[in-house]
């Protein structure tokens, strides 16, 4: 079986663990000496996540460029502009050839909401630098992203503590 220079992974579905799985790949890549970059499309700067703290400690390049969840937005034009800016940063990371791993966290939302055309994402993935692996995350991945990805995992919610009134816990969910 031939070994590819790089692959595209897609973590989608309505279950928990899409980003967490991507950050597991982040730590493995870092441990192998890779240059790693993370671009977050939805979460904004107010989020103080454990994975961000780890990335800072490890010296992993991290861009939190979102404006928070759309239902919390007070200025949708700004939210959309931030989503489009996140894509421009991500597209540059894909083609530059500096990173062996680029994580596009919650990129499917930017596509779903129409901020970034799916064709642009597909083209950028196809034109990425030869040794740049990519992990895409987010719910409702369009068929075009499923098609272009080498590995697709769908997280399916069976049960979630939040549905029982249990709030997110530091160290477990963020």
Protein backbone atom coordinates (compact mmCIF):
# COMPACT_ATOMS: atom_id res chain seq x y z
CA UNK A 1 0.00 0.00 0.00
CA UNK A 2 1.52 3.36 -1.01
CA UNK A 3 2.10 6.05 1.58
CA UNK A 4 0.60 9.46 0.74
CA UNK A 5 2.56 12.68 1.18
CA UNK A 6 -0.39 14.10 3.12
CA UNK A 7 -4.08 13.46 3.76
CA UNK A 8 -7.29 15.30 4.59
CA UNK A 9 -9.34 14.18 7.59
CA UNK A 10 -12.89 15.33 8.26
CA UNK A 11 -14.60 15.03 11.65
CA UNK A 12 -18.30 15.80 11.32
CA UNK A 13 -21.66 14.87 12.83
CA UNK A 14 -23.76 16.02 15.76
CA UNK A 15 -21.88 14.12 18.46
CA UNK A 16 -19.18 15.51 20.74
CA UNK A 17 -15.52 15.01 20.03
CA UNK A 18 -14.91 16.47 16.57
CA UNK A 19 -12.49 19.17 17.71
CA UNK A 20 -11.11 17.03 20.54
CA UNK A 21 -10.13 14.35 18.03
CA UNK A 22 -8.47 17.01 15.85
CA UNK A 23 -6.49 18.25 18.84
CA UNK A 24 -5.36 14.69 19.51
CA UNK A 25 -3.90 14.70 15.99
CA UNK A 26 -2.38 18.10 16.82
CA UNK A 27 -0.45 16.65 19.75
CA UNK A 28 0.71 13.61 17.77
CA UNK A 29 1.94 15.84 14.95
CA UNK A 30 3.77 18.11 17.38
CA UNK A 31 5.35 15.07 19.05
CA UNK A 32 6.69 14.04 15.62
CA UNK A 33 8.35 17.41 15.16
CA UNK A 34 5.76 18.85 12.78
CA UNK A 35 4.94 22.51 12.45
CA UNK A 36 1.25 22.72 13.33
CA UNK A 37 -1.26 25.54 12.83
CA UNK A 38 -4.83 25.78 14.11
CA UNK A 39 -7.41 28.17 12.65
CA UNK A 40 -10.69 28.43 14.56
CA UNK A 41 -13.66 29.73 12.59
CA UNK A 42 -16.34 30.13 15.27
CA UNK A 43 -14.82 30.41 18.72
CA UNK A 44 -13.78 33.92 19.63
CA UNK A 45 -11.00 35.28 21.80
CA UNK A 46 -13.03 35.07 25.02
CA UNK A 47 -12.84 31.26 24.97
CA UNK A 48 -10.17 30.01 27.40
CA UNK A 49 -9.84 26.38 26.37
CA UNK A 50 -7.53 23.70 27.66
CA UNK A 51 -6.37 22.82 24.17
CA UNK A 52 -5.37 26.45 23.55
CA UNK A 53 -3.40 26.48 26.79
CA UNK A 54 -1.62 23.30 25.69
CA UNK A 55 -0.91 24.71 22.23
CA UNK A 56 0.57 27.88 23.74
CA UNK A 57 2.74 25.76 26.04
CA UNK A 58 3.96 23.66 23.09
CA UNK A 59 4.52 26.64 20.79
CA UNK A 60 1.84 25.62 18.29
CA UNK A 61 0.59 28.40 16.02
CA UNK A 62 -3.03 29.17 16.95
CA UNK A 63 -5.51 31.60 15.39
CA UNK A 64 -8.83 32.14 17.19
CA UNK A 65 -10.54 34.26 14.56
CA UNK A 66 -14.25 33.70 15.06
CA UNK A 67 -16.81 35.92 16.69
CA UNK A 68 -18.46 33.29 18.85
CA UNK A 69 -21.59 31.35 18.07
CA UNK A 70 -23.85 33.01 15.50
CA UNK A 71 -26.84 33.05 17.85
CA UNK A 72 -24.75 35.19 20.25
CA UNK A 73 -23.72 37.70 17.56
CA UNK A 74 -24.67 41.33 18.02
CA UNK A 75 -23.30 42.30 14.58
CA UNK A 76 -23.71 39.64 11.88
CA UNK A 77 -21.75 41.70 9.34
CA UNK A 78 -18.75 41.59 11.68
CA UNK A 79 -19.29 37.88 12.37
CA UNK A 80 -19.34 37.16 8.62
CA UNK A 81 -16.26 39.33 8.01
CA UNK A 82 -14.38 37.46 10.74
CA UNK A 83 -15.38 34.12 9.21
CA UNK A 84 -14.14 35.23 5.80
CA UNK A 85 -10.91 36.54 7.31
CA UNK A 86 -10.39 33.19 9.05
CA UNK A 87 -10.69 31.51 5.65
CA UNK A 88 -8.06 33.83 4.13
CA UNK A 89 -5.67 32.92 6.96
CA UNK A 90 -6.47 29.22 6.54
CA UNK A 91 -6.01 29.30 2.76
CA UNK A 92 -2.58 30.88 3.18
CA UNK A 93 -1.56 28.20 5.71
CA UNK A 94 -2.63 25.46 3.29
CA UNK A 95 -0.52 26.72 0.39
CA UNK A 96 2.54 28.09 2.20
CA UNK A 97 4.15 24.70 2.80
CA UNK A 98 5.40 25.69 6.25
CA UNK A 99 3.11 23.36 8.21
CA UNK A 100 2.85 19.60 8.14
CA UNK A 101 -0.57 19.88 9.83
CA UNK A 102 -3.27 22.53 9.55
CA UNK A 103 -6.45 22.17 11.62
CA UNK A 104 -9.50 24.08 10.37
CA UNK A 105 -11.70 23.94 13.46
CA UNK A 106 -15.41 24.41 12.73
CA UNK A 107 -14.79 25.31 9.09
CA UNK A 108 -17.97 23.51 8.03
CA UNK A 109 -20.02 26.27 9.68
CA UNK A 110 -18.32 28.94 7.54
CA UNK A 111 -19.39 26.92 4.50
CA UNK A 112 -22.89 26.13 5.80
CA UNK A 113 -23.58 29.80 6.59
CA UNK A 114 -22.37 30.88 3.14
CA UNK A 115 -19.36 32.88 4.35
CA UNK A 116 -16.96 30.73 2.34
CA UNK A 117 -17.94 28.94 -0.88
CA UNK A 118 -17.43 25.17 -0.60
CA UNK A 119 -15.72 25.27 -4.00
CA UNK A 120 -13.03 27.55 -2.52
CA UNK A 121 -12.36 25.07 0.27
CA UNK A 122 -12.25 22.11 -2.13
CA UNK A 123 -9.88 23.99 -4.45
CA UNK A 124 -7.58 25.04 -1.60
CA UNK A 125 -7.43 21.48 -0.27
CA UNK A 126 -6.53 20.23 -3.74
CA UNK A 127 -3.86 22.89 -4.16
CA UNK A 128 -2.40 22.63 -0.66
CA UNK A 129 1.34 22.20 -0.24
CA UNK A 130 2.37 18.57 -0.84
CA UNK A 131 3.23 17.66 2.77
CA UNK A 132 0.43 19.59 4.46
CA UNK A 133 -2.03 17.31 6.23
CA UNK A 134 -5.39 18.87 7.08
CA UNK A 135 -8.07 18.17 9.67
CA UNK A 136 -11.49 19.77 9.09
CA UNK A 137 -14.12 19.82 11.84
CA UNK A 138 -17.76 20.81 12.22
CA UNK A 139 -21.32 19.61 11.86
CA UNK A 140 -23.17 19.18 8.60
CA UNK A 141 -20.17 18.76 6.30
CA UNK A 142 -21.30 19.25 2.71
CA UNK A 143 -20.94 16.30 0.31
CA UNK A 144 -18.13 18.09 -1.54
CA UNK A 145 -15.95 18.02 1.60
CA UNK A 146 -16.85 14.41 2.31
CA UNK A 147 -15.80 13.56 -1.25
CA UNK A 148 -12.43 15.33 -1.11
CA UNK A 149 -11.45 14.03 2.35
CA UNK A 150 -9.37 10.87 2.60
CA UNK A 151 -10.79 9.91 6.00
CA UNK A 152 -14.25 10.93 7.24
CA UNK A 153 -15.51 10.25 10.74
CA UNK A 154 -19.06 11.06 11.75
CA UNK A 155 -19.61 11.61 15.46
CA UNK A 156 -23.12 10.57 16.46
CA UNK A 157 -24.67 11.71 19.72
CA UNK A 158 -26.15 8.87 21.70
CA UNK A 159 -26.48 10.81 24.95
CA UNK A 160 -25.04 14.07 26.29
CA UNK A 161 -24.77 15.42 29.83
CA UNK A 162 -25.97 18.84 28.65
CA UNK A 163 -29.34 17.29 27.76
CA UNK A 164 -29.65 16.36 31.43
CA UNK A 165 -28.98 19.95 32.55
CA UNK A 166 -25.28 19.43 33.27
CA UNK A 167 -23.20 22.41 32.19
CA UNK A 168 -19.87 22.14 30.38
CA UNK A 169 -16.98 21.18 32.66
CA UNK A 170 -13.46 22.62 32.32
CA UNK A 171 -11.05 19.89 31.34
CA UNK A 172 -13.80 17.76 29.80
CA UNK A 173 -15.46 20.03 27.26
CA UNK A 174 -13.07 22.95 27.02
